Amino acid sequence: MENFTPVSAVLGGLLIGVAASLTLWTTGRIAGISGIVAGALFPKRADVAWRLLFLGGMLTGGLVYLLFNQGSMDIQIQSSPLTTIVAGLLVGFGTRLGSGCTSGHGICGIARFSKRSFLATSVFILSGVLTVFVTSHV
């Protein structure tokens, strides 16, 4: 377990929980990233400002982390660019089909005891397990 980092994992989880709770309390909206991005790109109401602030905060947080931890984000993508693009499009399609993403259903929905979110999150996890199995062993 070379990547076991319980302190940063707990702090990250707490920050995600606080952000999701504050978003729900202040806007009445779920902090699901796919919904926030979709609402910012294709606005149907006059609620784009909080979405842009939320996304800006995520980007700013990542940049601040990089400033203090240079070199700790050494990411190596092992798939081809085409595979990465297709995978991203499939995830985007899945979030629209499932009416939300892992953050909306898995964090916010399960915390609210939503039956739909329990089912959606179970499908997300099962799909991930099957995808890894098929791509690694078949």
C-alpha atoms as a PDB file:
ATOM      1  CA  MET A   1       0.000   0.000   0.000  1.00  0.00           C
ATOM      2  CA  GLU A   2       2.366   2.655  -1.185  1.00  0.00           C
ATOM      3  CA  ASN A   3      -0.358   5.270  -1.733  1.00  0.00           C
ATOM      4  CA  PHE A   4      -2.076   4.932   1.664  1.00  0.00           C
ATOM      5  CA  THR A   5      -2.676   8.496   2.861  1.00  0.00           C
ATOM      6  CA  PRO A   6      -5.388   8.441   5.529  1.00  0.00           C
ATOM      7  CA  VAL A   7      -4.952  12.045   6.689  1.00  0.00           C
ATOM      8  CA  SER A   8      -5.330  13.589   3.249  1.00  0.00           C
ATOM      9  CA  ALA A   9      -8.170  11.168   2.447  1.00  0.00           C
ATOM     10  CA  VAL A  10     -10.117  12.165   5.564  1.00  0.00           C
ATOM     11  CA  LEU A  11      -9.466  15.872   4.986  1.00  0.00           C
ATOM     12  CA  GLY A  12     -10.505  15.575   1.352  1.00  0.00           C
ATOM     13  CA  GLY A  13     -13.671  13.716   2.311  1.00  0.00           C
ATOM     14  CA  LEU A  14     -14.521  16.350   4.906  1.00  0.00           C
ATOM     15  CA  LEU A  15     -14.002  19.151   2.375  1.00  0.00           C
ATOM     16  CA  ILE A  16     -16.205  17.395  -0.169  1.00  0.00           C
ATOM     17  CA  GLY A  17     -18.905  16.890   2.466  1.00  0.00           C
ATOM     18  CA  VAL A  18     -18.765  20.525   3.573  1.00  0.00           C
ATOM     19  CA  ALA A  19     -18.887  21.760  -0.042  1.00  0.00           C
ATOM     20  CA  ALA A  20     -21.834  19.484  -0.873  1.00  0.00           C
ATOM     21  CA  SER A  21     -23.705  20.553   2.271  1.00  0.00           C
ATOM     22  CA  LEU A  22     -23.059  24.260   1.699  1.00  0.00           C
ATOM     23  CA  THR A  23     -24.180  23.985  -1.916  1.00  0.00           C
ATOM     24  CA  LEU A  24     -27.429  22.317  -0.872  1.00  0.00           C
ATOM     25  CA  TRP A  25     -28.067  24.764   1.979  1.00  0.00           C
ATOM     26  CA  THR A  26     -27.238  27.932   0.045  1.00  0.00           C
ATOM     27  CA  THR A  27     -28.652  27.132  -3.389  1.00  0.00           C
ATOM     28  CA  GLY A  28     -31.018  24.231  -2.791  1.00  0.00           C
ATOM     29  CA  ARG A  29     -29.084  22.372  -5.497  1.00  0.00           C
ATOM     30  CA  ILE A  30     -27.172  19.104  -5.475  1.00  0.00           C
ATOM     31  CA  ALA A  31     -23.391  19.364  -5.865  1.00  0.00           C
ATOM     32  CA  GLY A  32     -23.254  16.939  -8.783  1.00  0.00           C
ATOM     33  CA  ILE A  33     -20.490  17.986 -11.131  1.00  0.00           C
ATOM     34  CA  SER A  34     -22.176  16.823 -14.330  1.00  0.00           C
ATOM     35  CA  GLY A  35     -25.293  18.855 -13.499  1.00  0.00           C
ATOM     36  CA  ILE A  36     -23.273  21.893 -12.494  1.00  0.00           C
ATOM     37  CA  VAL A  37     -21.240  21.810 -15.716  1.00  0.00           C
ATOM     38  CA  ALA A  38     -24.327  21.166 -17.874  1.00  0.00           C
ATOM     39  CA  GLY A  39     -26.147  24.062 -16.215  1.00  0.00           C
ATOM     40  CA  ALA A  40     -23.177  26.363 -16.786  1.00  0.00           C
ATOM     41  CA  LEU A  41     -22.751  25.387 -20.444  1.00  0.00           C
ATOM     42  CA  PHE A  42     -26.452  25.232 -21.329  1.00  0.00           C
ATOM     43  CA  PRO A  43     -28.235  27.527 -18.851  1.00  0.00           C
ATOM     44  CA  LYS A  44     -32.008  27.252 -18.575  1.00  0.00           C
ATOM     45  CA  ARG A  45     -32.346  29.667 -15.685  1.00  0.00           C
ATOM     46  CA  ALA A  46     -30.518  32.644 -14.285  1.00  0.00           C
ATOM     47  CA  ASP A  47     -28.451  30.480 -11.910  1.00  0.00           C
ATOM     48  CA  VAL A  48     -25.173  30.367 -13.803  1.00  0.00           C
ATOM     49  CA  ALA A  49     -23.161  32.491 -11.343  1.00  0.00           C
ATOM     50  CA  TRP A  50     -23.040  29.963  -8.497  1.00  0.00           C
ATOM     51  CA  ARG A  51     -22.165  27.200 -10.969  1.00  0.00           C
ATOM     52  CA  LEU A  52     -19.228  29.183 -12.352  1.00  0.00           C
ATOM     53  CA  LEU A  53     -18.089  30.035  -8.814  1.00  0.00           C
ATOM     54  CA  PHE A  54     -18.277  26.373  -7.792  1.00  0.00           C
ATOM     55  CA  LEU A  55     -16.268  25.259 -10.840  1.00  0.00           C
ATOM     56  CA  GLY A  56     -13.804  28.118 -10.358  1.00  0.00           C
ATOM     57  CA  GLY A  57     -13.341  27.076  -6.740  1.00  0.00           C
ATOM     58  CA  MET A  58     -12.568  23.517  -7.816  1.00  0.00           C
ATOM     59  CA  LEU A  59      -9.978  24.717 -10.317  1.00  0.00           C
ATOM     60  CA  THR A  60      -8.483  27.193  -7.853  1.00  0.00           C
ATOM     61  CA  GLY A  61      -8.256  24.505  -5.175  1.00  0.00           C
ATOM     62  CA  GLY A  62      -6.368  22.249  -7.557  1.00  0.00           C
ATOM     63  CA  LEU A  63      -3.975  25.034  -8.517  1.00  0.00           C
ATOM     64  CA  VAL A  64      -3.324  25.929  -4.873  1.00  0.00           C
ATOM     65  CA  TYR A  65      -2.625  22.272  -4.122  1.00  0.00           C
ATOM     66  CA  LEU A  66      -0.116  22.154  -6.988  1.00  0.00           C
ATOM     67  CA  LEU A  67       1.643  25.267  -5.674  1.00  0.00           C
ATOM     68  CA  PHE A  68       2.272  23.648  -2.297  1.00  0.00           C
ATOM     69  CA  ASN A  69       2.908  20.095  -3.527  1.00  0.00           C
ATOM     70  CA  GLN A  70       4.920  20.425  -6.697  1.00  0.00           C
ATOM     71  CA  GLY A  71       5.749  17.092  -8.238  1.00  0.00           C
ATOM     72  CA  SER A  72       3.101  15.210  -6.257  1.00  0.00           C
ATOM     73  CA  MET A  73       0.723  15.108  -9.224  1.00  0.00           C
ATOM     74  CA  ASP A  74       2.844  12.851 -11.417  1.00  0.00           C
ATOM     75  CA  ILE A  75       0.062  11.286 -13.488  1.00  0.00           C
ATOM     76  CA  GLN A  76       0.806   8.853 -16.271  1.00  0.00           C
ATOM     77  CA  ILE A  77      -2.069   7.984 -18.580  1.00  0.00           C
ATOM     78  CA  GLN A  78      -1.528   4.463 -19.851  1.00  0.00           C
ATOM     79  CA  SER A  79      -4.215   4.410 -22.520  1.00  0.00           C
ATOM     80  CA  SER A  80      -4.202   5.923 -25.976  1.00  0.00           C
ATOM     81  CA  PRO A  81      -5.679   9.390 -26.541  1.00  0.00           C
ATOM     82  CA  LEU A  82      -8.518   7.805 -28.555  1.00  0.00           C
ATOM     83  CA  THR A  83      -9.380   5.431 -25.698  1.00  0.00           C
ATOM     84  CA  THR A  84      -9.314   8.317 -23.224  1.00  0.00           C
ATOM     85  CA  ILE A  85     -11.624  10.432 -25.413  1.00  0.00           C
ATOM     86  CA  VAL A  86     -14.075   7.560 -25.980  1.00  0.00           C
ATOM     87  CA  ALA A  87     -14.070   6.772 -22.258  1.00  0.00           C
ATOM     88  CA  GLY A  88     -14.796  10.418 -21.415  1.00  0.00           C
ATOM     89  CA  LEU A  89     -17.669  10.549 -23.897  1.00  0.00           C
ATOM     90  CA  LEU A  90     -19.118   7.328 -22.474  1.00  0.00           C
ATOM     91  CA  VAL A  91     -18.925   8.720 -18.950  1.00  0.00           C
ATOM     92  CA  GLY A  92     -20.648  11.912 -20.105  1.00  0.00           C
ATOM     93  CA  PHE A  93     -23.361   9.888 -21.837  1.00  0.00           C
ATOM     94  CA  GLY A  94     -23.789   7.754 -18.726  1.00  0.00           C
ATOM     95  CA  THR A  95     -24.195  10.756 -16.453  1.00  0.00           C
ATOM     96  CA  ARG A  96     -26.963  12.108 -18.664  1.00  0.00           C
ATOM     97  CA  LEU A  97     -28.599   8.676 -18.921  1.00  0.00           C
ATOM     98  CA  GLY A  98     -28.383   8.160 -15.145  1.00  0.00           C
ATOM     99  CA  SER A  99     -29.550  11.703 -14.376  1.00  0.00           C
ATOM    100  CA  GLY A 100     -26.385  12.447 -12.464  1.00  0.00           C
ATOM    101  CA  CYS A 101     -22.846  11.420 -11.703  1.00  0.00           C
ATOM    102  CA  THR A 102     -21.004   9.790  -8.844  1.00  0.00           C
ATOM    103  CA  SER A 103     -20.781  13.059  -6.943  1.00  0.00           C
ATOM    104  CA  GLY A 104     -24.468  13.841  -7.322  1.00  0.00           C
ATOM    105  CA  HIS A 105     -25.743  10.349  -6.617  1.00  0.00           C
ATOM    106  CA  GLY A 106     -22.880   8.835  -4.625  1.00  0.00           C
ATOM    107  CA  ILE A 107     -22.196  11.710  -2.259  1.00  0.00           C
ATOM    108  CA  CYS A 108     -25.305  13.871  -2.160  1.00  0.00           C
ATOM    109  CA  GLY A 109     -28.013  11.352  -3.037  1.00  0.00           C
ATOM    110  CA  ILE A 110     -26.902   8.596  -0.677  1.00  0.00           C
ATOM    111  CA  ALA A 111     -26.496  11.164   2.111  1.00  0.00           C
ATOM    112  CA  ARG A 112     -30.170  12.072   1.572  1.00  0.00           C
ATOM    113  CA  PHE A 113     -31.151   8.349   1.525  1.00  0.00           C
ATOM    114  CA  SER A 114     -32.391   8.590  -2.064  1.00  0.00           C
ATOM    115  CA  LYS A 115     -33.385   5.128  -3.355  1.00  0.00           C
ATOM    116  CA  ARG A 116     -32.634   6.255  -6.907  1.00  0.00           C
ATOM    117  CA  SER A 117     -29.127   7.306  -5.860  1.00  0.00           C
ATOM    118  CA  PHE A 118     -28.454   4.001  -4.092  1.00  0.00           C
ATOM    119  CA  LEU A 119     -29.415   2.186  -7.299  1.00  0.00           C
ATOM    120  CA  ALA A 120     -27.461   4.552  -9.576  1.00  0.00           C
ATOM    121  CA  THR A 121     -24.323   4.331  -7.419  1.00  0.00           C
ATOM    122  CA  SER A 122     -24.567   0.534  -7.367  1.00  0.00           C
ATOM    123  CA  VAL A 123     -24.788   0.533 -11.172  1.00  0.00           C
ATOM    124  CA  PHE A 124     -21.773   2.901 -11.400  1.00  0.00           C
ATOM    125  CA  ILE A 125     -19.661   0.628  -9.213  1.00  0.00           C
ATOM    126  CA  LEU A 126     -20.773  -2.579 -10.947  1.00  0.00           C
ATOM    127  CA  SER A 127     -20.072  -1.024 -14.355  1.00  0.00           C
ATOM    128  CA  GLY A 128     -16.589   0.000 -13.214  1.00  0.00           C
ATOM    129  CA  VAL A 129     -15.821  -3.471 -11.844  1.00  0.00           C
ATOM    130  CA  LEU A 130     -17.043  -5.146 -15.050  1.00  0.00           C
ATOM    131  CA  THR A 131     -15.107  -2.703 -17.236  1.00  0.00           C
ATOM    132  CA  VAL A 132     -11.855  -3.339 -15.352  1.00  0.00           C
ATOM    133  CA  PHE A 133     -12.444  -7.086 -15.458  1.00  0.00           C
ATOM    134  CA  VAL A 134     -13.173  -7.129 -19.185  1.00  0.00           C
ATOM    135  CA  THR A 135     -10.315  -4.813 -20.157  1.00  0.00           C
ATOM    136  CA  SER A 136      -7.820  -6.593 -17.900  1.00  0.00           C
ATOM    137  CA  HIS A 137      -8.778 -10.249 -18.219  1.00  0.00           C
ATOM    138  CA  VAL A 138     -10.778 -10.844 -21.393  1.00  0.00           C
END
